[in-house]
C-alpha atoms as a PDB file:
ATOM      1  CA  UNK A   1      17.523   0.114  27.463  1.00  0.00           C
ATOM      2  CA  UNK A   2      20.261  -2.216  26.296  1.00  0.00           C
ATOM      3  CA  UNK A   3      23.789  -1.791  27.630  1.00  0.00           C
ATOM      4  CA  UNK A   4      25.723  -3.330  24.748  1.00  0.00           C
ATOM      5  CA  UNK A   5      26.763  -0.935  21.996  1.00  0.00           C
ATOM      6  CA  UNK A   6      25.534  -3.103  19.118  1.00  0.00           C
ATOM      7  CA  UNK A   7      22.174  -3.578  20.847  1.00  0.00           C
ATOM      8  CA  UNK A   8      21.826   0.184  21.275  1.00  0.00           C
ATOM      9  CA  UNK A   9      22.526   0.641  17.549  1.00  0.00           C
ATOM     10  CA  UNK A  10      20.012  -2.078  16.746  1.00  0.00           C
ATOM     11  CA  UNK A  11      17.289  -0.253  18.701  1.00  0.00           C
ATOM     12  CA  UNK A  12      17.960   2.911  16.695  1.00  0.00           C
ATOM     13  CA  UNK A  13      17.875   1.121  13.336  1.00  0.00           C
ATOM     14  CA  UNK A  14      14.704  -0.735  14.336  1.00  0.00           C
ATOM     15  CA  UNK A  15      13.014   2.570  15.158  1.00  0.00           C
ATOM     16  CA  UNK A  16      14.021   4.033  11.788  1.00  0.00           C
ATOM     17  CA  UNK A  17      12.819   0.936   9.942  1.00  0.00           C
ATOM     18  CA  UNK A  18       9.554   0.936  11.879  1.00  0.00           C
ATOM     19  CA  UNK A  19       8.923   4.559  10.937  1.00  0.00           C
ATOM     20  CA  UNK A  20       9.712   3.955   7.267  1.00  0.00           C
ATOM     21  CA  UNK A  21       7.521   0.839   7.176  1.00  0.00           C
ATOM     22  CA  UNK A  22       4.649   2.679   8.843  1.00  0.00           C
ATOM     23  CA  UNK A  23       4.829   5.475   6.289  1.00  0.00           C
ATOM     24  CA  UNK A  24       4.925   3.039   3.371  1.00  0.00           C
ATOM     25  CA  UNK A  25       1.946   1.065   4.703  1.00  0.00           C
ATOM     26  CA  UNK A  26      -0.017   4.242   5.325  1.00  0.00           C
ATOM     27  CA  UNK A  27       0.686   5.501   1.792  1.00  0.00           C
ATOM     28  CA  UNK A  28      -0.436   2.141   0.424  1.00  0.00           C
ATOM     29  CA  UNK A  29      -3.706   2.266   2.365  1.00  0.00           C
ATOM     30  CA  UNK A  30      -4.314   5.858   1.260  1.00  0.00           C
ATOM     31  CA  UNK A  31      -3.790   4.893  -2.387  1.00  0.00           C
ATOM     32  CA  UNK A  32      -6.328   2.077  -2.029  1.00  0.00           C
ATOM     33  CA  UNK A  33      -8.855   4.447  -0.450  1.00  0.00           C
ATOM     34  CA  UNK A  34      -8.388   6.917  -3.325  1.00  0.00           C
ATOM     35  CA  UNK A  35      -9.313   4.203  -5.826  1.00  0.00           C
ATOM     36  CA  UNK A  36     -12.407   3.275  -3.839  1.00  0.00           C
ATOM     37  CA  UNK A  37     -13.422   6.927  -3.527  1.00  0.00           C
ATOM     38  CA  UNK A  38     -13.027   7.514  -7.273  1.00  0.00           C
ATOM     39  CA  UNK A  39     -15.144   4.416  -7.973  1.00  0.00           C
ATOM     40  CA  UNK A  40     -17.762   5.655  -5.539  1.00  0.00           C
ATOM     41  CA  UNK A  41     -17.893   8.977  -7.414  1.00  0.00           C
ATOM     42  CA  UNK A  42     -18.202   7.138 -10.772  1.00  0.00           C
ATOM     43  CA  UNK A  43     -15.062   8.865 -12.089  1.00  0.00           C
ATOM     44  CA  UNK A  44     -13.535   6.439 -14.602  1.00  0.00           C
ATOM     45  CA  UNK A  45     -10.386   8.412 -15.438  1.00  0.00           C
ATOM     46  CA  UNK A  46      -9.531   9.231 -11.822  1.00  0.00           C
ATOM     47  CA  UNK A  47     -10.152   5.650 -10.742  1.00  0.00           C
ATOM     48  CA  UNK A  48      -7.857   4.269 -13.454  1.00  0.00           C
ATOM     49  CA  UNK A  49      -5.064   6.671 -12.508  1.00  0.00           C
ATOM     50  CA  UNK A  50      -5.524   5.964  -8.796  1.00  0.00           C
ATOM     51  CA  UNK A  51      -5.521   2.239  -9.586  1.00  0.00           C
ATOM     52  CA  UNK A  52      -2.120   2.512 -11.289  1.00  0.00           C
ATOM     53  CA  UNK A  53      -0.698   4.276  -8.233  1.00  0.00           C
ATOM     54  CA  UNK A  54      -2.257   1.778  -5.825  1.00  0.00           C
ATOM     55  CA  UNK A  55      -0.938  -1.224  -7.765  1.00  0.00           C
ATOM     56  CA  UNK A  56       2.555   0.273  -7.687  1.00  0.00           C
ATOM     57  CA  UNK A  57       2.324   0.863  -3.919  1.00  0.00           C
ATOM     58  CA  UNK A  58       1.030  -2.663  -3.292  1.00  0.00           C
ATOM     59  CA  UNK A  59       3.821  -4.226  -5.349  1.00  0.00           C
ATOM     60  CA  UNK A  60       6.420  -2.138  -3.559  1.00  0.00           C
ATOM     61  CA  UNK A  61       5.012  -3.165  -0.171  1.00  0.00           C
ATOM     62  CA  UNK A  62       5.354  -6.826  -1.174  1.00  0.00           C
ATOM     63  CA  UNK A  63       8.945  -6.255  -2.287  1.00  0.00           C
ATOM     64  CA  UNK A  64       9.786  -4.634   1.038  1.00  0.00           C
ATOM     65  CA  UNK A  65       8.102  -7.436   2.959  1.00  0.00           C
ATOM     66  CA  UNK A  66       5.398  -5.234   4.477  1.00  0.00           C
ATOM     67  CA  UNK A  67       2.532  -7.418   3.304  1.00  0.00           C
ATOM     68  CA  UNK A  68       2.243 -10.937   1.933  1.00  0.00           C
ATOM     69  CA  UNK A  69       2.135 -11.455  -1.827  1.00  0.00           C
ATOM     70  CA  UNK A  70      -1.254 -13.167  -1.669  1.00  0.00           C
ATOM     71  CA  UNK A  71      -2.775 -10.275   0.261  1.00  0.00           C
ATOM     72  CA  UNK A  72      -1.522  -7.804  -2.337  1.00  0.00           C
ATOM     73  CA  UNK A  73      -2.872  -9.971  -5.156  1.00  0.00           C
ATOM     74  CA  UNK A  74      -6.254 -10.207  -3.439  1.00  0.00           C
ATOM     75  CA  UNK A  75      -6.426  -6.432  -2.935  1.00  0.00           C
ATOM     76  CA  UNK A  76      -5.376  -5.755  -6.526  1.00  0.00           C
ATOM     77  CA  UNK A  77      -8.025  -8.164  -7.790  1.00  0.00           C
ATOM     78  CA  UNK A  78     -10.737  -6.456  -5.782  1.00  0.00           C
ATOM     79  CA  UNK A  79      -9.656  -3.007  -6.973  1.00  0.00           C
ATOM     80  CA  UNK A  80      -9.571  -4.163 -10.611  1.00  0.00           C
ATOM     81  CA  UNK A  81     -13.103  -5.545 -10.244  1.00  0.00           C
ATOM     82  CA  UNK A  82     -14.373  -2.236  -8.858  1.00  0.00           C
ATOM     83  CA  UNK A  83     -12.741  -0.160 -11.603  1.00  0.00           C
ATOM     84  CA  UNK A  84     -13.867  -2.539 -14.345  1.00  0.00           C
ATOM     85  CA  UNK A  85     -17.437  -2.413 -13.059  1.00  0.00           C
ATOM     86  CA  UNK A  86     -17.383   1.334 -13.819  1.00  0.00           C
ATOM     87  CA  UNK A  87     -16.304   0.693 -17.410  1.00  0.00           C
ATOM     88  CA  UNK A  88     -19.126  -1.813 -17.917  1.00  0.00           C
ATOM     89  CA  UNK A  89     -21.765   0.766 -16.989  1.00  0.00           C
END
């Protein structure tokens, strides 16, 4: 443990930030899985709604610096392809 007061405060804020970041990343991953599950079940409406939520979570994760912009764009592209493949059928 650090001895300096500011370093002790820094440890506490880092722990809080780590917890918040972990929750945001987990929510993002869950949203992505919901889209994939809806696509797997051939549910067009549910997949479109889940896609909107997932896109929002991905964009927010980029804004917060949790993931890189290119990774979010790649994931969004893949999700769009999956949902659009349902519409084509």
